[in-house]
Amino acid sequence: MSAASADHGAAAAQDWIAGAGMPLRGSLRVPGDKSVSHRAVMLGALAEGVTRVTGFLEGEDTRATARVFERLGVRIETPSASERIVHGVGLHGLRGIDAPLDCGNAGTGMRLLAGALAGQAFDSVLIGDASLSKRPMRRVTEPLAAMGARIDTDEGGLSPLRIHGGRALTGIEYTLPVASAQVKSALLLAGLYARGDTVVHEPHPTRDYTERMLAAFGWPIDFSPGYARLSGGHTLRATDVAVPADFSSAAFFLVAASVVPGSQLLLEAVGMNPRRTGLLAALRLMGADIVEENPRAEGGEPVADLRVRHAPLHGIEVPEALVPDMIDEFPALFVAASLAQGRSVIRGAAELRVKESDRIATMATGLRALGARIEETPDGAIIDGGPLHGGEVESHGDHRIAMSFSIAAQLASGEVRIGDVANVATSFPGFEALAAQAGMRVRVAE
């Protein structure tokens, strides 16, 4: 890892002070979907022709992915904020470089790039920041190796990923041991370069952004929940992509408006991919008042406006079937459960321990510091709702943890200092300003 990458988090250390604000009111549009933004740039780069992306997330993660492709010879224009024009070079038009390719904090970027670069004629090295360098990559490199790729990792299957070019890839039929849209997507991207069919089975269906977008770019693909099949030897053709608002970013406001009395908030044009909206189902089981308005399709993705009103929440046993469809939203759900009446039980979410932080341990430790009654389990938690007080919590550089604690602070009896929040820019630049616009009280500490 480069020194610049290793020092990234330390150089940008920043804390928030959050506390009780006003009821959340009005209407908001949260930034574009991170998952769709990553994939739009990737497929646009590998397509023939010019792809225009609107609603692109101006976050550190997605910009890192765009920079990687620029370094590989793809011209990407930024005519205005949240817009990219990608001049595709085709499947075999990327140009290798000797220097490492920095994915920053983007796990999606690194894992999907591993698949796309496994089929290139040149060698490449993928690095990331200190957080990404601790995240498991063997789950991607092992099935790619079964396709004929050669990817060397550091001890423990960690990055940097050293990808050897010039390898002949062959399609495989693979059943994921753990449901993961990132691993599935990496295999499908490698499958574009492989001889024969690449078939992926999942133990639980995950988000199908890659499959939908491959079809939009003209690649023949057969997919259904939990299954995808494609063959190599075709061509990606440029198309325009309208990125919907990110459900994971909307999730913080869905929870905040649900728990803060007097709130009524409209979240505009939120992506409603059914493999992404498990939190919506869980909150409704808890008694949340969330209504979908004006359902429509944008860029091949289902979209709706979400109107959320304050409602008393009660504890539930979260159905394990919802877990894969809300894996990024669990920090916000932990907060909802800590403010609900009664007990909530979360199981089947061991994946949370290998995200940007160990999200089970980090949320449990932070919520306990604010007075919550929460017991960690290996794959989840048992949370008894009740009042919260002020205090200091650590996000450990995890953007979703930081934003979740800012929600908890809205109902705490005192101010909450949230440590190490700079990485919020990876997924939700401008969160503080948008939160303040809605009525929340979050500010950067002096």
Protein backbone atom coordinates (compact mmCIF):
# COMPACT_ATOMS: atom_id res chain seq x y z
CA MET A 1 0.00 0.00 0.00
CA SER A 2 1.25 3.51 -0.75
CA ALA A 3 2.03 5.83 2.12
CA ALA A 4 -0.59 8.19 0.77
CA SER A 5 -3.23 5.50 1.00
CA ALA A 6 -2.20 4.41 4.47
CA ASP A 7 -2.27 7.95 5.81
CA HIS A 8 -5.51 8.94 4.12
CA GLY A 9 -7.76 8.56 7.17
CA ALA A 10 -5.34 10.19 9.60
CA ALA A 11 -4.79 13.25 7.45
CA ALA A 12 -8.49 14.03 7.27
CA ALA A 13 -9.55 13.33 10.87
CA GLN A 14 -12.80 15.10 11.72
CA ASP A 15 -15.51 14.84 14.39
CA TRP A 16 -19.18 15.84 14.50
CA ILE A 17 -21.24 17.30 17.32
CA ALA A 18 -24.88 16.21 17.03
CA GLY A 19 -27.88 16.81 19.25
CA ALA A 20 -31.64 17.17 19.39
CA GLY A 21 -32.94 19.17 16.46
CA MET A 22 -36.34 19.97 14.98
CA PRO A 23 -38.91 17.62 13.43
CA LEU A 24 -37.80 16.62 9.93
CA ARG A 25 -39.87 18.49 7.34
CA GLY A 26 -39.98 19.30 3.64
CA SER A 27 -38.58 17.33 0.74
CA LEU A 28 -35.06 16.13 0.01
CA ARG A 29 -33.18 14.43 -2.79
CA VAL A 30 -30.26 12.45 -1.47
CA PRO A 31 -27.18 11.82 -3.67
CA GLY A 32 -27.12 9.27 -6.46
CA ASP A 33 -26.89 5.54 -5.87
CA LYS A 34 -23.30 4.49 -5.21
CA SER A 35 -23.69 0.98 -6.60
CA VAL A 36 -25.22 2.21 -9.86
CA SER A 37 -22.62 5.00 -10.19
CA HIS A 38 -19.70 2.54 -9.88
CA ARG A 39 -21.18 0.22 -12.49
CA ALA A 40 -22.16 2.98 -14.93
CA VAL A 41 -18.56 4.21 -15.13
CA MET A 42 -17.16 0.67 -15.41
CA LEU A 43 -19.49 -0.54 -18.15
CA GLY A 44 -19.29 2.83 -19.93
CA ALA A 45 -15.50 2.49 -20.00
CA LEU A 46 -15.67 -1.06 -21.40
CA ALA A 47 -18.38 -0.23 -23.94
CA GLU A 48 -18.03 0.96 -27.50
CA GLY A 49 -19.28 4.53 -27.86
CA VAL A 50 -20.04 7.39 -25.49
CA THR A 51 -22.05 6.90 -22.30
CA ARG A 52 -23.62 9.87 -20.50
CA VAL A 53 -24.23 9.34 -16.79
CA THR A 54 -26.58 11.70 -14.93
CA GLY A 55 -27.14 11.64 -11.16
CA PHE A 56 -23.59 10.32 -10.61
CA LEU A 57 -22.64 10.20 -6.93
CA GLU A 58 -19.91 12.78 -6.27
CA GLY A 59 -18.45 10.65 -3.48
CA GLU A 60 -14.86 9.63 -2.83
CA ASP A 61 -15.58 5.95 -3.63
CA THR A 62 -17.12 6.54 -7.04
CA ARG A 63 -14.55 9.17 -7.98
CA ALA A 64 -11.83 6.66 -7.11
CA THR A 65 -13.33 4.18 -9.58
CA ALA A 66 -13.51 6.86 -12.29
CA ARG A 67 -9.87 7.82 -11.63
CA VAL A 68 -8.78 4.19 -12.03
CA PHE A 69 -10.33 4.02 -15.49
CA GLU A 70 -8.86 7.38 -16.46
CA ARG A 71 -5.42 6.04 -15.52
CA LEU A 72 -6.15 3.02 -17.75
CA GLY A 73 -6.70 5.30 -20.75
CA VAL A 74 -10.43 6.10 -20.64
CA ARG A 75 -11.41 9.73 -21.21
CA ILE A 76 -14.09 10.79 -18.71
CA GLU A 77 -15.52 14.30 -18.84
CA THR A 78 -17.33 16.14 -16.03
CA PRO A 79 -19.49 18.79 -17.74
CA SER A 80 -21.30 19.54 -14.45
CA ALA A 81 -21.63 18.17 -10.93
CA SER A 82 -23.22 14.68 -10.85
CA GLU A 83 -22.65 14.22 -14.58
CA ARG A 84 -20.04 12.13 -16.40
CA ILE A 85 -19.42 11.54 -20.08
CA VAL A 86 -17.48 8.29 -20.52
CA HIS A 87 -15.71 7.69 -23.83
CA GLY A 88 -15.67 3.93 -23.95
CA VAL A 89 -12.63 2.05 -25.27
CA GLY A 90 -14.24 -1.38 -25.69
CA LEU A 91 -13.51 -4.60 -23.81
CA HIS A 92 -9.88 -4.73 -24.96
CA GLY A 93 -9.04 -1.04 -25.18
CA LEU A 94 -7.73 -0.40 -21.66
CA ARG A 95 -4.02 0.42 -21.37
CA GLY A 96 -2.04 -0.89 -18.41
CA ILE A 97 0.28 1.25 -16.28
CA ASP A 98 3.18 0.35 -13.99
CA ALA A 99 1.86 2.26 -10.96
CA PRO A 100 -0.71 0.82 -8.50
CA LEU A 101 -4.40 1.70 -9.01
CA ASP A 102 -5.85 3.28 -5.85
CA CYS A 103 -9.44 2.27 -5.01
CA GLY A 104 -9.50 4.46 -1.87
CA ASN A 105 -12.16 3.14 0.51
CA ALA A 106 -14.27 1.50 -2.22
CA GLY A 107 -14.83 -2.22 -1.62
CA THR A 108 -17.24 -2.29 -4.56
CA GLY A 109 -14.63 -0.67 -6.76
CA MET A 110 -11.84 -3.07 -5.81
CA ARG A 111 -13.88 -6.27 -6.02
CA LEU A 112 -15.54 -5.43 -9.34
CA LEU A 113 -12.27 -4.19 -10.82
CA ALA A 114 -10.67 -7.51 -9.88
CA GLY A 115 -13.15 -9.22 -12.19
CA ALA A 116 -12.82 -6.73 -15.04
CA LEU A 117 -9.00 -6.63 -14.90
CA ALA A 118 -8.59 -10.42 -14.64
CA GLY A 119 -9.33 -10.65 -18.36
CA GLN A 120 -6.89 -7.96 -19.54
CA ALA A 121 -3.63 -8.54 -21.38
CA PHE A 122 -1.63 -6.45 -18.87
CA ASP A 123 -0.72 -6.80 -15.20
CA SER A 124 -2.28 -4.48 -12.63
CA VAL A 125 -2.14 -3.84 -8.88
CA LEU A 126 -5.14 -2.66 -6.87
CA ILE A 127 -4.54 -0.88 -3.54
CA GLY A 128 -6.83 0.89 -1.07
CA ASP A 129 -6.81 2.93 2.10
CA ALA A 130 -6.15 1.50 5.57
CA SER A 131 -9.81 0.45 6.01
CA LEU A 132 -10.15 -1.27 2.63
CA SER A 133 -6.82 -3.04 3.16
CA LYS A 134 -8.37 -4.95 6.08
CA ARG A 135 -11.38 -6.22 4.14
CA PRO A 136 -11.47 -9.84 2.87
CA MET A 137 -10.74 -10.34 -0.84
CA ARG A 138 -10.31 -14.12 -0.99
CA ARG A 139 -14.05 -14.50 -1.56
CA VAL A 140 -13.42 -12.83 -4.94
CA THR A 141 -9.96 -14.08 -5.83
CA GLU A 142 -10.71 -17.78 -5.26
CA PRO A 143 -13.62 -18.11 -7.73
CA LEU A 144 -11.75 -15.90 -10.21
CA ALA A 145 -8.81 -18.31 -9.92
CA ALA A 146 -11.22 -21.15 -10.78
CA MET A 147 -11.91 -19.25 -14.02
CA GLY A 148 -8.17 -19.17 -14.79
CA ALA A 149 -7.25 -15.80 -13.30
CA ARG A 150 -4.07 -15.37 -11.26
CA ILE A 151 -4.41 -12.83 -8.46
CA ASP A 152 -1.88 -12.63 -5.65
CA THR A 153 -2.89 -11.13 -2.31
CA ASP A 154 -1.22 -10.25 0.95
CA GLU A 155 -1.36 -12.70 3.85
CA GLY A 156 -4.91 -13.47 4.87
CA GLY A 157 -6.32 -12.76 1.41
CA LEU A 158 -6.03 -8.99 1.83
CA SER A 159 -5.13 -6.29 -0.69
CA PRO A 160 -3.05 -5.20 -2.50
CA LEU A 161 -4.38 -7.40 -5.30
CA ARG A 162 -1.70 -8.22 -7.88
CA ILE A 163 -3.54 -9.25 -11.02
CA HIS A 164 -1.55 -11.06 -13.72
CA GLY A 165 -2.65 -10.29 -17.27
CA GLY A 166 -2.68 -12.45 -20.35
CA ARG A 167 -4.62 -15.30 -18.74
CA ALA A 168 -7.20 -17.27 -20.72
CA LEU A 169 -10.43 -17.29 -18.70
CA THR A 170 -13.05 -20.03 -18.86
CA GLY A 171 -16.61 -19.68 -17.61
CA ILE A 172 -17.61 -21.63 -14.50
CA GLU A 173 -20.80 -22.50 -12.66
CA TYR A 174 -20.38 -21.21 -9.12
CA THR A 175 -22.55 -21.15 -6.01
CA LEU A 176 -21.65 -18.33 -3.65
CA PRO A 177 -21.04 -19.59 -0.09
CA VAL A 178 -22.19 -16.18 1.21
CA ALA A 179 -24.62 -13.97 -0.71
CA SER A 180 -22.68 -10.99 -2.12
CA ALA A 181 -23.59 -8.74 -5.03
CA GLN A 182 -19.95 -7.63 -5.24
CA VAL A 183 -18.60 -11.16 -5.68
CA LYS A 184 -21.37 -12.05 -8.14
CA SER A 185 -20.61 -8.91 -10.13
CA ALA A 186 -16.87 -9.60 -10.22
CA LEU A 187 -17.52 -13.06 -11.69
CA LEU A 188 -19.94 -11.69 -14.28
CA LEU A 189 -17.45 -9.01 -15.34
CA ALA A 190 -14.73 -11.65 -15.69
CA GLY A 191 -17.26 -13.69 -17.64
CA LEU A 192 -17.33 -11.01 -20.33
CA TYR A 193 -13.77 -12.14 -21.18
CA ALA A 194 -14.26 -15.87 -20.61
CA ARG A 195 -14.79 -18.71 -23.03
CA GLY A 196 -18.19 -20.36 -22.51
CA ASP A 197 -20.86 -19.63 -19.93
CA THR A 198 -20.42 -18.06 -16.51
CA VAL A 199 -23.23 -19.04 -14.15
CA VAL A 200 -23.66 -17.71 -10.61
CA HIS A 201 -26.07 -19.11 -8.00
CA GLU A 202 -26.71 -17.29 -4.71
CA PRO A 203 -27.95 -18.70 -1.38
CA HIS A 204 -30.13 -15.58 -1.11
CA PRO A 205 -30.88 -13.13 -3.94
CA THR A 206 -28.77 -9.95 -3.85
CA ARG A 207 -29.09 -6.65 -5.71
CA ASP A 208 -29.10 -7.14 -9.47
CA TYR A 209 -27.65 -3.80 -10.60
CA THR A 210 -24.90 -5.44 -12.64
CA GLU A 211 -27.30 -7.77 -14.44
CA ARG A 212 -29.75 -4.97 -15.27
CA MET A 213 -26.98 -2.69 -16.47
CA LEU A 214 -25.28 -5.36 -18.60
CA ALA A 215 -28.63 -5.89 -20.33
CA ALA A 216 -29.00 -2.11 -20.81
CA PHE A 217 -25.55 -2.06 -22.44
CA GLY A 218 -26.68 -4.75 -24.85
CA TRP A 219 -24.95 -7.83 -23.42
CA PRO A 220 -27.11 -10.99 -23.58
CA ILE A 221 -27.72 -12.13 -20.00
CA ASP A 222 -30.27 -14.38 -18.34
CA PHE A 223 -31.03 -13.55 -14.72
CA SER A 224 -33.64 -13.99 -12.02
CA PRO A 225 -33.51 -13.62 -8.21
CA GLY A 226 -30.51 -15.65 -7.04
CA TYR A 227 -29.32 -16.64 -10.53
CA ALA A 228 -27.36 -15.13 -13.43
CA ARG A 229 -25.88 -16.59 -16.62
CA LEU A 230 -23.95 -14.98 -19.45
CA SER A 231 -21.48 -16.03 -22.14
CA GLY A 232 -18.35 -14.31 -23.39
CA GLY A 233 -17.72 -13.02 -26.87
CA HIS A 234 -20.25 -10.20 -27.14
CA THR A 235 -19.96 -6.40 -27.15
CA LEU A 236 -21.04 -3.70 -24.71
CA ARG A 237 -22.67 -0.77 -26.49
CA ALA A 238 -22.81 2.67 -24.89
CA THR A 239 -26.08 3.87 -23.42
CA ASP A 240 -27.21 6.74 -21.21
CA VAL A 241 -27.61 5.96 -17.50
CA ALA A 242 -29.84 7.96 -15.12
CA VAL A 243 -28.70 7.13 -11.58
CA PRO A 244 -31.54 7.08 -8.99
CA ALA A 245 -31.17 8.50 -5.49
CA ASP A 246 -29.32 6.05 -3.22
CA PHE A 247 -31.63 4.01 -0.97
CA SER A 248 -28.80 3.52 1.54
CA SER A 249 -28.45 7.30 1.86
CA ALA A 250 -32.21 7.77 2.10
CA ALA A 251 -32.24 5.16 4.89
CA PHE A 252 -30.82 7.59 7.47
CA PHE A 253 -33.67 10.02 6.85
CA LEU A 254 -36.27 7.23 6.79
CA VAL A 255 -35.20 6.26 10.31
CA ALA A 256 -34.76 9.82 11.57
CA ALA A 257 -38.20 10.95 10.39
CA SER A 258 -39.74 7.78 11.83
CA VAL A 259 -38.33 8.35 15.33
CA VAL A 260 -38.36 12.15 15.73
CA PRO A 261 -41.86 13.29 16.84
CA GLY A 262 -43.66 15.68 14.52
CA SER A 263 -41.68 14.69 11.43
CA GLN A 264 -43.11 14.45 7.92
CA LEU A 265 -40.54 14.22 5.14
CA LEU A 266 -40.62 13.45 1.40
CA LEU A 267 -37.58 11.73 -0.11
CA GLU A 268 -37.57 12.16 -3.87
CA ALA A 269 -36.73 9.65 -6.64
CA VAL A 270 -35.30 6.94 -4.38
CA GLY A 271 -34.05 3.77 -6.06
CA MET A 272 -36.41 0.93 -5.13
CA ASN A 273 -34.52 -2.09 -6.42
CA PRO A 274 -36.26 -4.94 -4.53
CA ARG A 275 -32.89 -6.45 -3.59
CA ARG A 276 -31.98 -3.22 -1.79
CA THR A 277 -35.06 -2.22 0.21
CA GLY A 278 -35.09 -4.73 3.07
CA LEU A 279 -34.89 -1.89 5.60
CA LEU A 280 -38.21 -0.54 4.32
CA ALA A 281 -39.90 -3.86 5.08
CA ALA A 282 -38.22 -4.08 8.51
CA LEU A 283 -39.24 -0.54 9.50
CA ARG A 284 -42.83 -1.23 8.43
CA LEU A 285 -42.84 -4.35 10.60
CA MET A 286 -41.76 -2.07 13.46
CA GLY A 287 -44.73 0.21 12.81
CA ALA A 288 -43.17 2.89 10.58
CA ASP A 289 -45.46 5.05 8.42
CA ILE A 290 -43.73 5.12 5.02
CA VAL A 291 -45.73 5.50 1.80
CA GLU A 292 -44.41 5.02 -1.75
CA GLU A 293 -45.64 7.70 -4.15
CA ASN A 294 -45.27 8.15 -7.92
CA PRO A 295 -43.60 4.78 -8.65
CA ARG A 296 -41.77 4.82 -11.98
CA ALA A 297 -38.68 3.57 -13.80
CA GLU A 298 -35.54 5.61 -14.42
CA GLY A 299 -32.54 4.19 -16.24
CA GLY A 300 -33.96 0.67 -16.00
CA GLU A 301 -34.31 0.89 -12.21
CA PRO A 302 -37.56 1.17 -10.21
CA VAL A 303 -37.87 4.55 -8.45
CA ALA A 304 -40.43 6.11 -6.09
CA ASP A 305 -40.87 9.11 -3.82
CA LEU A 306 -41.02 8.04 -0.17
CA ARG A 307 -43.20 9.96 2.28
CA VAL A 308 -42.34 9.16 5.91
CA ARG A 309 -44.19 10.37 8.99
CA HIS A 310 -43.26 9.93 12.62
CA ALA A 311 -44.76 6.79 14.16
CA PRO A 312 -44.07 4.92 17.42
CA LEU A 313 -41.80 1.97 16.65
CA HIS A 314 -41.83 -1.38 18.46
CA GLY A 315 -39.20 -4.10 18.62
CA ILE A 316 -39.26 -7.07 16.24
CA GLU A 317 -37.33 -10.19 15.37
CA VAL A 318 -35.88 -9.14 12.02
CA PRO A 319 -36.74 -11.85 9.46
CA GLU A 320 -33.48 -13.42 8.25
CA ALA A 321 -34.86 -13.39 4.70
CA LEU A 322 -34.54 -9.58 4.75
CA VAL A 323 -30.87 -9.55 5.79
CA PRO A 324 -29.21 -9.72 2.32
CA ASP A 325 -31.50 -6.91 1.11
CA MET A 326 -30.48 -4.50 3.89
CA ILE A 327 -26.88 -5.36 4.71
CA ASP A 328 -25.72 -1.73 4.30
CA GLU A 329 -28.62 -0.36 6.34
CA PHE A 330 -28.11 -2.28 9.58
CA PRO A 331 -26.35 0.58 11.42
CA ALA A 332 -29.47 2.71 10.90
CA LEU A 333 -31.69 -0.20 11.96
CA PHE A 334 -29.66 -0.61 15.18
CA VAL A 335 -30.53 3.00 16.01
CA ALA A 336 -34.23 2.47 15.21
CA ALA A 337 -34.25 -0.62 17.45
CA SER A 338 -32.53 1.24 20.32
CA LEU A 339 -35.29 3.89 20.18
CA ALA A 340 -38.21 1.47 19.74
CA GLN A 341 -40.42 0.09 22.49
CA GLY A 342 -39.51 -3.47 23.44
CA ARG A 343 -36.89 -5.92 22.21
CA SER A 344 -35.46 -6.36 18.73
CA VAL A 345 -33.44 -9.42 17.69
CA ILE A 346 -31.09 -9.44 14.69
CA ARG A 347 -29.68 -12.74 13.40
CA GLY A 348 -27.94 -13.94 10.25
CA ALA A 349 -25.92 -10.74 9.75
CA ALA A 350 -22.35 -11.98 10.35
CA GLU A 351 -21.34 -10.18 7.13
CA LEU A 352 -21.52 -6.95 9.15
CA ARG A 353 -18.31 -7.91 10.92
CA VAL A 354 -16.24 -7.54 7.72
CA LYS A 355 -17.56 -4.24 6.36
CA GLU A 356 -15.70 -0.89 6.63
CA SER A 357 -15.62 -1.68 10.34
CA ASP A 358 -16.98 -4.52 12.46
CA ARG A 359 -20.40 -2.90 12.35
CA ILE A 360 -21.93 -5.12 15.03
CA ALA A 361 -19.19 -4.33 17.56
CA THR A 362 -18.92 -0.65 16.61
CA MET A 363 -22.66 0.01 16.84
CA ALA A 364 -23.01 -1.98 20.07
CA THR A 365 -20.12 -0.16 21.74
CA GLY A 366 -21.32 3.28 20.63
CA LEU A 367 -24.96 2.75 21.54
CA ARG A 368 -23.97 1.42 24.96
CA ALA A 369 -21.96 4.61 25.49
CA LEU A 370 -25.24 6.50 24.93
CA GLY A 371 -27.15 4.35 27.42
CA ALA A 372 -28.66 1.72 25.13
CA ARG A 373 -29.16 -1.86 26.28
CA ILE A 374 -27.62 -4.01 23.58
CA GLU A 375 -26.05 -7.45 23.59
CA GLU A 376 -23.77 -8.55 20.77
CA THR A 377 -24.15 -12.00 19.26
CA PRO A 378 -21.81 -13.59 16.69
CA ASP A 379 -24.19 -12.78 13.83
CA GLY A 380 -26.26 -9.90 15.16
CA ALA A 381 -27.54 -8.33 18.36
CA ILE A 382 -30.33 -8.23 20.93
CA ILE A 383 -31.47 -4.65 21.54
CA ASP A 384 -33.90 -3.41 24.20
CA GLY A 385 -35.22 0.03 23.32
CA GLY A 386 -35.08 2.92 25.75
CA PRO A 387 -33.91 6.49 26.30
CA LEU A 388 -30.46 7.65 25.16
CA HIS A 389 -28.17 10.24 26.72
CA GLY A 390 -25.28 12.27 25.38
CA GLY A 391 -21.70 11.08 25.19
CA GLU A 392 -18.81 10.31 22.88
CA VAL A 393 -18.83 7.56 20.26
CA GLU A 394 -16.35 6.38 17.63
CA SER A 395 -17.27 5.62 14.04
CA HIS A 396 -13.86 4.04 13.32
CA GLY A 397 -13.84 5.79 9.95
CA ASP A 398 -17.04 4.02 8.84
CA HIS A 399 -19.34 6.42 6.98
CA ARG A 400 -22.58 4.54 7.69
CA ILE A 401 -21.77 4.26 11.40
CA ALA A 402 -21.11 8.01 11.66
CA MET A 403 -24.41 8.96 10.01
CA SER A 404 -26.33 6.44 12.11
CA PHE A 405 -25.01 7.91 15.36
CA SER A 406 -26.10 11.35 14.16
CA ILE A 407 -29.68 10.00 14.04
CA ALA A 408 -29.40 8.60 17.57
CA ALA A 409 -28.25 12.02 18.76
CA GLN A 410 -31.52 13.61 17.61
CA LEU A 411 -33.31 11.87 20.50
CA ALA A 412 -30.48 11.84 23.05
CA SER A 413 -30.84 13.94 26.22
CA GLY A 414 -27.44 15.55 25.61
CA GLU A 415 -24.99 16.25 22.80
CA VAL A 416 -23.15 13.40 21.11
CA ARG A 417 -19.61 13.76 19.80
CA ILE A 418 -19.01 11.38 16.88
CA GLY A 419 -15.36 10.65 16.17
CA ASP A 420 -13.62 10.10 12.82
CA VAL A 421 -16.36 11.09 10.37
CA ALA A 422 -14.27 12.20 7.36
CA ASN A 423 -15.14 9.04 5.40
CA VAL A 424 -18.79 10.15 5.16
CA ALA A 425 -17.58 11.82 1.96
CA THR A 426 -17.09 8.35 0.43
CA SER A 427 -20.83 7.85 0.05
CA PHE A 428 -22.70 10.99 1.12
CA PRO A 429 -20.88 14.27 0.47
CA GLY A 430 -22.79 17.19 2.00
CA PHE A 431 -24.64 15.06 4.54
CA GLU A 432 -24.43 17.70 7.29
CA ALA A 433 -25.96 20.40 5.07
CA LEU A 434 -28.82 18.18 3.89
CA ALA A 435 -29.48 16.95 7.43
CA ALA A 436 -29.63 20.56 8.66
CA GLN A 437 -32.01 21.43 5.83
CA ALA A 438 -34.34 18.66 7.04
CA GLY A 439 -34.19 19.86 10.68
CA MET A 440 -31.47 17.69 12.20
CA ARG A 441 -28.64 19.19 14.25
CA VAL A 442 -25.22 17.99 13.08
CA ARG A 443 -22.11 20.15 12.78
CA VAL A 444 -18.38 19.70 12.37
CA ALA A 445 -16.58 19.96 15.72
CA GLU A 446 -14.21 22.88 16.25
